[in-house]
């Protein structure tokens, strides 16, 4: 499961919340991508949800804390 697929499940399970970031102004960092947005960071432009280091670290924290494991949260119908 990708981070993009996992994010809505974690949000729905109240294991994480959206973390808004301020917009980055020029000069942009090398990794900044005007064509992508991050849903974990409230749709901010500059990086994708798939490549979001903040989300990756949060997921690892959930795993380390025993909140997330092989049995992934399920979406509610």
N, C-alpha and C. Protein backbone atom coordinates (compact mmCIF):
# COMPACT_ATOMS: atom_id res chain seq x y z
N UNK A 1 0.85 -1.17 0.00
CA UNK A 1 0.00 0.00 0.00
C UNK A 1 0.90 1.24 0.00
N UNK A 2 0.58 2.18 -0.85
CA UNK A 2 1.39 3.41 -0.93
C UNK A 2 0.98 4.39 0.17
N UNK A 3 1.82 5.38 0.40
CA UNK A 3 1.48 6.42 1.37
C UNK A 3 0.24 7.19 0.92
N UNK A 4 0.08 7.37 -0.37
CA UNK A 4 -1.09 8.06 -0.91
C UNK A 4 -2.36 7.28 -0.61
N UNK A 5 -2.29 5.95 -0.67
CA UNK A 5 -3.44 5.11 -0.36
C UNK A 5 -3.67 5.01 1.16
N UNK A 6 -2.59 5.01 1.92
CA UNK A 6 -2.68 4.86 3.36
C UNK A 6 -3.20 6.12 4.06
N UNK A 7 -2.86 7.28 3.55
CA UNK A 7 -3.23 8.54 4.20
C UNK A 7 -4.73 8.64 4.51
N UNK A 8 -5.64 8.42 3.56
CA UNK A 8 -7.07 8.55 3.89
C UNK A 8 -7.51 7.57 4.99
N UNK A 9 -6.93 6.39 5.02
CA UNK A 9 -7.29 5.41 6.04
C UNK A 9 -6.83 5.86 7.42
N UNK A 10 -5.64 6.43 7.49
CA UNK A 10 -5.12 6.93 8.77
C UNK A 10 -5.92 8.13 9.25
N UNK A 11 -6.31 9.00 8.33
CA UNK A 11 -7.13 10.16 8.68
C UNK A 11 -8.50 9.71 9.19
N UNK A 12 -9.11 8.77 8.49
CA UNK A 12 -10.43 8.28 8.86
C UNK A 12 -10.39 7.55 10.20
N UNK A 13 -9.28 6.90 10.50
CA UNK A 13 -9.12 6.18 11.77
C UNK A 13 -8.67 7.10 12.90
N UNK A 14 -8.51 8.38 12.60
CA UNK A 14 -8.04 9.38 13.57
C UNK A 14 -6.68 9.05 14.17
N UNK A 15 -5.84 8.39 13.39
CA UNK A 15 -4.47 8.10 13.83
C UNK A 15 -3.53 9.26 13.52
N UNK A 16 -3.90 10.07 12.53
CA UNK A 16 -3.13 11.26 12.19
C UNK A 16 -4.10 12.37 11.79
N UNK A 17 -3.59 13.56 11.68
CA UNK A 17 -4.36 14.71 11.21
C UNK A 17 -3.54 15.43 10.15
N UNK A 18 -4.23 16.17 9.30
CA UNK A 18 -3.56 16.99 8.29
C UNK A 18 -2.73 18.06 8.99
N UNK A 19 -1.51 18.27 8.50
CA UNK A 19 -0.59 19.24 9.09
C UNK A 19 -0.31 20.32 8.04
N UNK A 20 -1.06 21.43 8.06
CA UNK A 20 -0.85 22.47 7.05
C UNK A 20 0.55 23.09 7.15
N UNK A 21 1.11 23.39 6.01
CA UNK A 21 2.40 24.08 5.94
C UNK A 21 2.20 25.41 5.25
N UNK A 22 3.08 26.34 5.53
CA UNK A 22 3.02 27.63 4.83
C UNK A 22 3.59 27.44 3.42
N UNK A 23 3.18 28.27 2.52
CA UNK A 23 3.69 28.21 1.16
C UNK A 23 5.16 28.61 1.12
N UNK A 24 5.91 27.94 0.30
CA UNK A 24 7.33 28.26 0.12
C UNK A 24 7.43 29.31 -0.98
N UNK A 25 8.24 30.31 -0.75
CA UNK A 25 8.44 31.36 -1.75
C UNK A 25 9.82 31.22 -2.37
N UNK A 26 9.97 31.72 -3.60
CA UNK A 26 11.28 31.64 -4.26
C UNK A 26 12.35 32.34 -3.44
N UNK A 27 13.55 31.90 -3.53
CA UNK A 27 14.06 30.80 -4.36
C UNK A 27 13.67 29.44 -3.74
N UNK A 28 13.17 28.56 -4.60
CA UNK A 28 12.72 27.25 -4.16
C UNK A 28 13.89 26.30 -3.95
N UNK A 29 13.76 25.36 -3.01
CA UNK A 29 14.79 24.33 -2.86
C UNK A 29 14.85 23.45 -4.10
N UNK A 30 15.95 22.76 -4.31
CA UNK A 30 16.11 21.91 -5.50
C UNK A 30 15.00 20.86 -5.61
N UNK A 31 14.56 20.33 -4.49
CA UNK A 31 13.56 19.26 -4.51
C UNK A 31 12.14 19.77 -4.72
N UNK A 32 11.93 21.07 -4.74
CA UNK A 32 10.60 21.66 -4.87
C UNK A 32 10.04 21.39 -6.25
N UNK A 33 8.78 20.92 -6.30
CA UNK A 33 8.13 20.59 -7.57
C UNK A 33 6.79 21.32 -7.65
N UNK A 34 6.71 22.31 -8.52
CA UNK A 34 5.48 23.10 -8.68
C UNK A 34 4.30 22.28 -9.20
N UNK A 35 4.56 21.09 -9.71
CA UNK A 35 3.51 20.27 -10.31
C UNK A 35 2.95 19.21 -9.37
N UNK A 36 3.34 19.23 -8.11
CA UNK A 36 2.85 18.22 -7.16
C UNK A 36 2.29 18.89 -5.92
N UNK A 37 1.44 18.15 -5.21
CA UNK A 37 0.89 18.65 -3.95
C UNK A 37 0.86 17.52 -2.94
N UNK A 38 0.86 17.88 -1.68
CA UNK A 38 0.87 16.91 -0.60
C UNK A 38 -0.43 17.01 0.20
N UNK A 39 -1.20 15.95 0.20
CA UNK A 39 -2.47 15.95 0.93
C UNK A 39 -2.25 15.93 2.45
N UNK A 40 -1.16 15.34 2.91
CA UNK A 40 -0.85 15.32 4.35
C UNK A 40 -0.59 16.75 4.85
N UNK A 41 -0.04 17.57 4.00
CA UNK A 41 0.24 18.95 4.37
C UNK A 41 -0.82 19.91 3.84
N UNK A 42 -2.05 19.46 3.75
CA UNK A 42 -3.17 20.33 3.40
C UNK A 42 -3.19 20.77 1.95
N UNK A 43 -2.60 19.98 1.07
CA UNK A 43 -2.61 20.31 -0.35
C UNK A 43 -1.54 21.29 -0.77
N UNK A 44 -0.56 21.51 0.10
CA UNK A 44 0.52 22.45 -0.23
C UNK A 44 1.29 21.95 -1.46
N UNK A 45 1.66 22.87 -2.31
CA UNK A 45 2.41 22.55 -3.53
C UNK A 45 3.90 22.49 -3.19
N UNK A 46 4.59 21.57 -3.85
CA UNK A 46 6.04 21.50 -3.66
C UNK A 46 6.58 20.09 -3.55
N UNK A 47 5.77 19.19 -3.03
CA UNK A 47 6.16 17.78 -2.98
C UNK A 47 4.89 16.95 -2.97
N UNK A 48 5.02 15.69 -3.34
CA UNK A 48 3.87 14.80 -3.41
C UNK A 48 3.65 14.09 -2.08
N UNK A 49 2.44 13.60 -1.89
CA UNK A 49 2.13 12.79 -0.71
C UNK A 49 3.04 11.56 -0.70
N UNK A 50 3.26 11.01 -1.87
CA UNK A 50 4.09 9.80 -2.01
C UNK A 50 5.52 10.04 -1.51
N UNK A 51 6.04 11.24 -1.70
CA UNK A 51 7.43 11.55 -1.32
C UNK A 51 7.54 12.39 -0.05
N UNK A 52 6.47 12.46 0.72
CA UNK A 52 6.43 13.32 1.90
C UNK A 52 7.19 12.70 3.07
N UNK A 53 8.29 13.34 3.45
CA UNK A 53 9.10 12.84 4.56
C UNK A 53 8.36 12.96 5.88
N UNK A 54 7.58 14.01 6.06
CA UNK A 54 6.81 14.17 7.29
C UNK A 54 5.84 13.03 7.50
N UNK A 55 5.13 12.64 6.44
CA UNK A 55 4.18 11.53 6.51
C UNK A 55 4.92 10.22 6.76
N UNK A 56 6.03 10.02 6.08
CA UNK A 56 6.81 8.78 6.27
C UNK A 56 7.27 8.65 7.72
N UNK A 57 7.73 9.74 8.31
CA UNK A 57 8.18 9.70 9.70
C UNK A 57 7.00 9.46 10.65
N UNK A 58 5.85 10.05 10.36
CA UNK A 58 4.67 9.85 11.19
C UNK A 58 4.22 8.40 11.14
N UNK A 59 4.22 7.80 9.95
CA UNK A 59 3.84 6.39 9.81
C UNK A 59 4.82 5.51 10.60
N UNK A 60 6.11 5.81 10.51
CA UNK A 60 7.10 5.04 11.27
C UNK A 60 6.87 5.19 12.77
N UNK A 61 6.51 6.38 13.23
CA UNK A 61 6.19 6.59 14.64
C UNK A 61 5.00 5.73 15.07
N UNK A 62 3.98 5.63 14.20
CA UNK A 62 2.81 4.80 14.50
C UNK A 62 3.19 3.32 14.58
N UNK A 63 4.07 2.89 13.69
CA UNK A 63 4.55 1.50 13.71
C UNK A 63 5.35 1.25 14.99
N UNK A 64 6.28 2.14 15.29
CA UNK A 64 7.13 1.99 16.48
C UNK A 64 6.30 2.00 17.77
N UNK A 65 5.22 2.75 17.77
CA UNK A 65 4.36 2.85 18.95
C UNK A 65 3.32 1.74 19.06
N UNK A 66 3.29 0.85 18.06
CA UNK A 66 2.35 -0.26 18.08
C UNK A 66 0.95 0.10 17.62
N UNK A 67 0.77 1.29 17.06
CA UNK A 67 -0.54 1.72 16.57
C UNK A 67 -0.83 1.24 15.16
N UNK A 68 0.19 0.87 14.44
CA UNK A 68 0.04 0.46 13.05
C UNK A 68 0.93 -0.75 12.81
N UNK A 69 0.39 -1.74 12.16
CA UNK A 69 1.15 -2.96 11.90
C UNK A 69 0.62 -3.66 10.66
N UNK A 70 0.81 -4.97 10.61
CA UNK A 70 0.40 -5.73 9.42
C UNK A 70 -1.10 -5.62 9.13
N UNK A 71 -1.91 -5.48 10.16
CA UNK A 71 -3.35 -5.33 9.95
C UNK A 71 -3.66 -3.85 9.80
N UNK A 72 -3.74 -3.40 8.56
CA UNK A 72 -3.94 -1.98 8.26
C UNK A 72 -5.37 -1.56 8.63
N UNK A 73 -5.57 -0.29 8.95
CA UNK A 73 -6.93 0.20 9.20
C UNK A 73 -7.78 0.05 7.95
N UNK A 74 -9.04 -0.20 8.15
CA UNK A 74 -9.95 -0.37 7.01
C UNK A 74 -10.81 0.88 6.86
N UNK A 75 -11.13 1.18 5.61
CA UNK A 75 -12.00 2.32 5.34
C UNK A 75 -13.42 1.98 5.77
N UNK A 76 -14.10 2.94 6.36
CA UNK A 76 -15.50 2.73 6.75
C UNK A 76 -16.39 3.01 5.55
N UNK A 77 -17.40 2.18 5.40
CA UNK A 77 -18.32 2.35 4.27
C UNK A 77 -19.32 3.42 4.53
